[in-house]
Amino acid sequence: MLKIEMDTKVKMKVGGLKTKKVGIRVTCDGIKGSIPKGKTPTVAVTAKSECKVDLRIKIWRSKARNNESEFSFAFL
């Protein structure tokens, strides 16, 4: 069985906030495949695989101006 872990970036819209690049991590476990023979490719079986998606966002609070709270987002 194979375990695949992939990091990528996507566009995201949450309410009024639009971002161009948000990091996500996709982890899939339980993918079955076989070793190819010659130049013919093999097909993987993903029937019982489990995938997990993690959103990679870091939120920190910046310095307040005029007693107002401000939040900033950093994408990992």
C-alpha atoms as a PDB file:
ATOM      1  CA  MET A   1       0.000   0.000   0.000  1.00  0.00           C
ATOM      2  CA  LEU A   2       1.092   3.541  -0.696  1.00  0.00           C
ATOM      3  CA  LYS A   3       0.848   6.722   1.325  1.00  0.00           C
ATOM      4  CA  ILE A   4       0.890   9.942  -0.711  1.00  0.00           C
ATOM      5  CA  GLU A   5       1.462  13.400   0.773  1.00  0.00           C
ATOM      6  CA  MET A   6       1.125  16.468  -1.456  1.00  0.00           C
ATOM      7  CA  ASP A   7       1.492  20.194  -0.734  1.00  0.00           C
ATOM      8  CA  THR A   8      -0.072  22.689  -3.116  1.00  0.00           C
ATOM      9  CA  LYS A   9      -1.549  26.193  -3.219  1.00  0.00           C
ATOM     10  CA  VAL A  10      -5.085  27.188  -4.224  1.00  0.00           C
ATOM     11  CA  LYS A  11      -7.280  30.290  -4.520  1.00  0.00           C
ATOM     12  CA  MET A  12      -9.749  30.759  -1.673  1.00  0.00           C
ATOM     13  CA  LYS A  13     -12.723  32.989  -0.874  1.00  0.00           C
ATOM     14  CA  VAL A  14     -14.079  33.213   2.680  1.00  0.00           C
ATOM     15  CA  GLY A  15     -16.824  35.787   3.113  1.00  0.00           C
ATOM     16  CA  GLY A  16     -15.353  39.068   1.850  1.00  0.00           C
ATOM     17  CA  LEU A  17     -11.754  37.837   2.014  1.00  0.00           C
ATOM     18  CA  LYS A  18     -10.258  36.645  -1.274  1.00  0.00           C
ATOM     19  CA  THR A  19      -6.777  35.156  -1.389  1.00  0.00           C
ATOM     20  CA  LYS A  20      -4.626  34.123  -4.310  1.00  0.00           C
ATOM     21  CA  LYS A  21      -2.482  31.476  -2.655  1.00  0.00           C
ATOM     22  CA  VAL A  22      -3.509  29.369   0.327  1.00  0.00           C
ATOM     23  CA  GLY A  23      -1.472  26.316   1.156  1.00  0.00           C
ATOM     24  CA  ILE A  24      -3.181  22.948   1.553  1.00  0.00           C
ATOM     25  CA  ARG A  25      -1.736  19.543   2.356  1.00  0.00           C
ATOM     26  CA  VAL A  26      -3.457  16.411   1.049  1.00  0.00           C
ATOM     27  CA  THR A  27      -2.521  13.055   2.596  1.00  0.00           C
ATOM     28  CA  CYS A  28      -3.925   9.809   1.151  1.00  0.00           C
ATOM     29  CA  ASP A  29      -3.320   6.381   2.665  1.00  0.00           C
ATOM     30  CA  GLY A  30      -4.358   2.916   1.480  1.00  0.00           C
ATOM     31  CA  ILE A  31      -3.715   3.241  -2.258  1.00  0.00           C
ATOM     32  CA  LYS A  32      -2.897  -0.136  -3.835  1.00  0.00           C
ATOM     33  CA  GLY A  33      -0.796  -0.572  -6.959  1.00  0.00           C
ATOM     34  CA  SER A  34       1.572  -3.021  -8.602  1.00  0.00           C
ATOM     35  CA  ILE A  35       4.958  -2.729 -10.276  1.00  0.00           C
ATOM     36  CA  PRO A  36       4.604  -2.143 -14.038  1.00  0.00           C
ATOM     37  CA  LYS A  37       5.909  -4.791 -16.451  1.00  0.00           C
ATOM     38  CA  GLY A  38       7.803  -3.445 -19.435  1.00  0.00           C
ATOM     39  CA  LYS A  39       6.484  -0.170 -20.794  1.00  0.00           C
ATOM     40  CA  THR A  40       2.825  -0.730 -19.924  1.00  0.00           C
ATOM     41  CA  PRO A  41       1.519   1.477 -17.094  1.00  0.00           C
ATOM     42  CA  THR A  42      -0.416   0.036 -14.156  1.00  0.00           C
ATOM     43  CA  VAL A  43      -3.612   1.339 -12.609  1.00  0.00           C
ATOM     44  CA  ALA A  44      -3.840   2.115  -8.906  1.00  0.00           C
ATOM     45  CA  VAL A  45      -6.860   1.030  -6.855  1.00  0.00           C
ATOM     46  CA  THR A  46      -8.252   3.780  -4.633  1.00  0.00           C
ATOM     47  CA  ALA A  47     -11.508   2.112  -3.514  1.00  0.00           C
ATOM     48  CA  LYS A  48     -10.665   1.867   0.205  1.00  0.00           C
ATOM     49  CA  SER A  49      -8.229   4.755   0.485  1.00  0.00           C
ATOM     50  CA  GLU A  50      -8.648   7.539   3.031  1.00  0.00           C
ATOM     51  CA  CYS A  51      -7.658  11.134   2.274  1.00  0.00           C
ATOM     52  CA  LYS A  52      -7.192  14.020   4.684  1.00  0.00           C
ATOM     53  CA  VAL A  53      -6.935  17.711   3.691  1.00  0.00           C
ATOM     54  CA  ASP A  54      -5.243  20.262   5.978  1.00  0.00           C
ATOM     55  CA  LEU A  55      -5.588  24.005   5.431  1.00  0.00           C
ATOM     56  CA  ARG A  56      -2.215  25.680   6.094  1.00  0.00           C
ATOM     57  CA  ILE A  57      -3.095  29.080   7.629  1.00  0.00           C
ATOM     58  CA  LYS A  58      -1.321  30.900  10.425  1.00  0.00           C
ATOM     59  CA  ILE A  59      -3.183  33.762  12.152  1.00  0.00           C
ATOM     60  CA  TRP A  60      -1.409  36.333  14.277  1.00  0.00           C
ATOM     61  CA  ARG A  61      -2.488  39.569  15.863  1.00  0.00           C
ATOM     62  CA  SER A  62      -0.638  42.681  14.782  1.00  0.00           C
ATOM     63  CA  LYS A  63      -0.209  45.914  16.735  1.00  0.00           C
ATOM     64  CA  ALA A  64      -3.455  47.785  17.295  1.00  0.00           C
ATOM     65  CA  ARG A  65      -3.902  51.342  16.046  1.00  0.00           C
ATOM     66  CA  ASN A  66      -6.231  53.717  17.862  1.00  0.00           C
ATOM     67  CA  ASN A  67      -7.406  50.926  20.186  1.00  0.00           C
ATOM     68  CA  GLU A  68      -8.787  48.880  17.277  1.00  0.00           C
ATOM     69  CA  SER A  69      -7.987  45.210  16.875  1.00  0.00           C
ATOM     70  CA  GLU A  70      -6.372  44.095  13.657  1.00  0.00           C
ATOM     71  CA  PHE A  71      -5.641  40.591  12.512  1.00  0.00           C
ATOM     72  CA  SER A  72      -3.235  39.455   9.846  1.00  0.00           C
ATOM     73  CA  PHE A  73      -3.031  36.131   8.026  1.00  0.00           C
ATOM     74  CA  ALA A  74       0.118  34.300   6.997  1.00  0.00           C
ATOM     75  CA  PHE A  75      -0.110  31.279   4.744  1.00  0.00           C
ATOM     76  CA  LEU A  76       2.420  28.517   5.302  1.00  0.00           C
END
